[in-house]
Amino acid sequence: MSGMTDSAAVRRINEQCARYLHKPSGVRYHIAYSIGGLNELHPISGPCKYASDANLANTEIWSKLQ
């Protein structure tokens, strides 16, 4: 099945399952909601954070985990 591309829906679901490390605090978050380039990130415990797609692309602050 090489050469197959994921549909837009599959890409959205995969992105929403993405996990990010907030480097300054060392806290890991997952995207709970995403709409219009704004993401609500939830840690295992504690308050959520909000970050835009542009903020998450800043590698000095955020690291995308696999």
N, C-alpha and C. Protein backbone atom coordinates (compact mmCIF):
# COMPACT_ATOMS: atom_id res chain seq x y z
N MET A 1 0.81 -1.19 0.00
CA MET A 1 0.00 0.00 0.00
C MET A 1 0.86 1.26 0.00
N SER A 2 2.05 1.15 -0.48
CA SER A 2 2.89 2.34 -0.55
C SER A 2 2.35 3.27 -1.62
N GLY A 3 2.60 4.54 -1.44
CA GLY A 3 2.12 5.51 -2.41
C GLY A 3 0.72 6.02 -2.12
N MET A 4 0.03 5.44 -1.13
CA MET A 4 -1.31 5.91 -0.79
C MET A 4 -1.19 7.15 0.08
N THR A 5 -2.09 8.07 -0.10
CA THR A 5 -2.12 9.26 0.74
C THR A 5 -3.35 9.23 1.61
N ASP A 6 -3.23 9.81 2.80
CA ASP A 6 -4.36 9.85 3.72
C ASP A 6 -5.34 10.93 3.29
N SER A 7 -6.59 10.69 3.57
CA SER A 7 -7.62 11.69 3.27
C SER A 7 -7.47 12.86 4.23
N ALA A 8 -8.15 13.94 3.95
CA ALA A 8 -8.11 15.12 4.82
C ALA A 8 -8.63 14.78 6.21
N ALA A 9 -9.66 13.94 6.29
CA ALA A 9 -10.21 13.55 7.59
C ALA A 9 -9.19 12.76 8.41
N VAL A 10 -8.48 11.85 7.77
CA VAL A 10 -7.46 11.05 8.47
C VAL A 10 -6.33 11.95 8.96
N ARG A 11 -5.91 12.90 8.14
CA ARG A 11 -4.85 13.83 8.57
C ARG A 11 -5.29 14.66 9.76
N ARG A 12 -6.56 15.12 9.76
CA ARG A 12 -7.08 15.90 10.89
C ARG A 12 -7.10 15.08 12.17
N ILE A 13 -7.56 13.84 12.07
CA ILE A 13 -7.61 12.96 13.25
C ILE A 13 -6.21 12.71 13.78
N ASN A 14 -5.27 12.42 12.89
CA ASN A 14 -3.89 12.19 13.32
C ASN A 14 -3.30 13.41 13.99
N GLU A 15 -3.59 14.59 13.46
CA GLU A 15 -3.08 15.82 14.05
C GLU A 15 -3.69 16.06 15.43
N GLN A 16 -4.97 15.72 15.60
CA GLN A 16 -5.61 15.91 16.90
C GLN A 16 -5.08 14.93 17.94
N CYS A 17 -4.52 13.83 17.51
CA CYS A 17 -3.93 12.86 18.44
C CYS A 17 -2.48 13.22 18.75
N ALA A 18 -2.01 14.28 18.15
CA ALA A 18 -0.61 14.68 18.33
C ALA A 18 -0.34 15.07 19.77
N ARG A 19 0.88 14.78 20.20
CA ARG A 19 1.32 15.15 21.54
C ARG A 19 2.49 16.10 21.40
N TYR A 20 2.55 17.06 22.30
CA TYR A 20 3.60 18.07 22.28
C TYR A 20 4.23 18.20 23.65
N LEU A 21 5.53 18.47 23.66
CA LEU A 21 6.27 18.75 24.89
C LEU A 21 6.48 20.25 24.96
N HIS A 22 6.05 20.87 26.06
CA HIS A 22 6.31 22.29 26.30
C HIS A 22 7.67 22.35 26.98
N LYS A 23 8.69 22.72 26.22
CA LYS A 23 10.08 22.64 26.68
C LYS A 23 10.37 23.43 27.95
N PRO A 24 9.88 24.68 28.09
CA PRO A 24 10.21 25.43 29.32
C PRO A 24 9.70 24.77 30.60
N SER A 25 8.53 24.14 30.55
CA SER A 25 7.96 23.53 31.76
C SER A 25 8.19 22.03 31.84
N GLY A 26 8.49 21.38 30.72
CA GLY A 26 8.67 19.94 30.70
C GLY A 26 7.35 19.17 30.72
N VAL A 27 6.23 19.86 30.54
CA VAL A 27 4.91 19.23 30.59
C VAL A 27 4.53 18.76 29.18
N ARG A 28 3.95 17.56 29.12
CA ARG A 28 3.48 17.00 27.85
C ARG A 28 1.99 17.24 27.72
N TYR A 29 1.59 17.64 26.52
CA TYR A 29 0.19 17.96 26.23
C TYR A 29 -0.28 17.18 25.02
N HIS A 30 -1.59 16.96 24.94
CA HIS A 30 -2.18 16.45 23.70
C HIS A 30 -3.24 17.45 23.25
N ILE A 31 -3.49 17.50 21.96
CA ILE A 31 -4.49 18.42 21.43
C ILE A 31 -5.87 17.84 21.70
N ALA A 32 -6.66 18.60 22.47
CA ALA A 32 -8.02 18.18 22.77
C ALA A 32 -9.00 18.71 21.73
N TYR A 33 -8.81 19.97 21.35
CA TYR A 33 -9.67 20.60 20.35
C TYR A 33 -8.80 21.45 19.42
N SER A 34 -9.20 21.52 18.19
CA SER A 34 -8.48 22.34 17.22
C SER A 34 -9.50 22.93 16.26
N ILE A 35 -9.48 24.26 16.15
CA ILE A 35 -10.41 24.93 15.24
C ILE A 35 -9.77 26.22 14.76
N GLY A 36 -9.79 26.40 13.47
CA GLY A 36 -9.30 27.64 12.89
C GLY A 36 -7.87 27.99 13.24
N GLY A 37 -7.00 27.00 13.38
CA GLY A 37 -5.61 27.27 13.69
C GLY A 37 -5.32 27.50 15.15
N LEU A 38 -6.33 27.38 16.03
CA LEU A 38 -6.14 27.52 17.46
C LEU A 38 -6.36 26.15 18.11
N ASN A 39 -5.46 25.78 19.01
CA ASN A 39 -5.50 24.46 19.62
C ASN A 39 -5.63 24.56 21.13
N GLU A 40 -6.46 23.70 21.70
CA GLU A 40 -6.56 23.58 23.15
C GLU A 40 -5.77 22.34 23.54
N LEU A 41 -4.74 22.54 24.34
CA LEU A 41 -3.84 21.47 24.74
C LEU A 41 -4.09 21.08 26.19
N HIS A 42 -4.22 19.78 26.44
CA HIS A 42 -4.48 19.29 27.79
C HIS A 42 -3.30 18.45 28.28
N PRO A 43 -2.84 18.71 29.51
CA PRO A 43 -1.83 17.84 30.11
C PRO A 43 -2.53 16.67 30.80
N ILE A 44 -1.75 15.78 31.40
CA ILE A 44 -2.37 14.68 32.15
C ILE A 44 -3.14 15.24 33.33
N SER A 45 -2.58 16.22 34.00
CA SER A 45 -3.30 16.91 35.08
C SER A 45 -2.89 18.37 35.06
N GLY A 46 -3.80 19.21 35.50
CA GLY A 46 -3.51 20.64 35.52
C GLY A 46 -4.30 21.39 34.46
N PRO A 47 -4.08 22.69 34.41
CA PRO A 47 -4.85 23.52 33.48
C PRO A 47 -4.41 23.33 32.03
N CYS A 48 -5.34 23.59 31.13
CA CYS A 48 -5.03 23.49 29.71
C CYS A 48 -4.32 24.75 29.24
N LYS A 49 -3.71 24.65 28.07
CA LYS A 49 -3.06 25.79 27.41
C LYS A 49 -3.69 25.95 26.04
N TYR A 50 -3.58 27.15 25.52
CA TYR A 50 -4.05 27.44 24.17
C TYR A 50 -2.85 27.88 23.35
N ALA A 51 -2.73 27.34 22.15
CA ALA A 51 -1.61 27.69 21.28
C ALA A 51 -2.08 27.63 19.83
N SER A 52 -1.61 28.58 19.06
CA SER A 52 -1.93 28.58 17.63
C SER A 52 -1.00 27.60 16.92
N ASP A 53 -1.33 27.30 15.68
CA ASP A 53 -0.47 26.43 14.88
C ASP A 53 0.92 27.05 14.75
N ALA A 54 0.97 28.38 14.61
CA ALA A 54 2.26 29.07 14.49
C ALA A 54 3.07 28.93 15.78
N ASN A 55 2.42 29.01 16.93
CA ASN A 55 3.12 28.83 18.20
C ASN A 55 3.68 27.42 18.34
N LEU A 56 2.89 26.42 17.94
CA LEU A 56 3.34 25.03 18.04
C LEU A 56 4.50 24.75 17.08
N ALA A 57 4.62 25.54 16.03
CA ALA A 57 5.73 25.37 15.09
C ALA A 57 7.04 25.95 15.62
N ASN A 58 6.98 26.72 16.71
CA ASN A 58 8.17 27.30 17.32
C ASN A 58 8.94 26.21 18.06
N THR A 59 10.03 25.74 17.49
CA THR A 59 10.78 24.61 18.06
C THR A 59 11.56 24.97 19.30
N GLU A 60 11.69 26.26 19.61
CA GLU A 60 12.36 26.65 20.85
C GLU A 60 11.45 26.42 22.05
N ILE A 61 10.14 26.41 21.83
CA ILE A 61 9.16 26.27 22.91
C ILE A 61 8.49 24.90 22.90
N TRP A 62 8.12 24.41 21.73
CA TRP A 62 7.34 23.17 21.60
C TRP A 62 8.11 22.12 20.81
N SER A 63 7.93 20.89 21.21
CA SER A 63 8.50 19.76 20.48
C SER A 63 7.38 18.75 20.24
N LYS A 64 7.16 18.37 19.00
CA LYS A 64 6.12 17.38 18.68
C LYS A 64 6.67 15.99 18.99
N LEU A 65 5.92 15.24 19.78
CA LEU A 65 6.32 13.89 20.17
C LEU A 65 5.68 12.88 19.24
N GLN A 66 6.34 11.78 19.04
CA GLN A 66 5.82 10.72 18.16
C GLN A 66 5.06 9.70 18.95
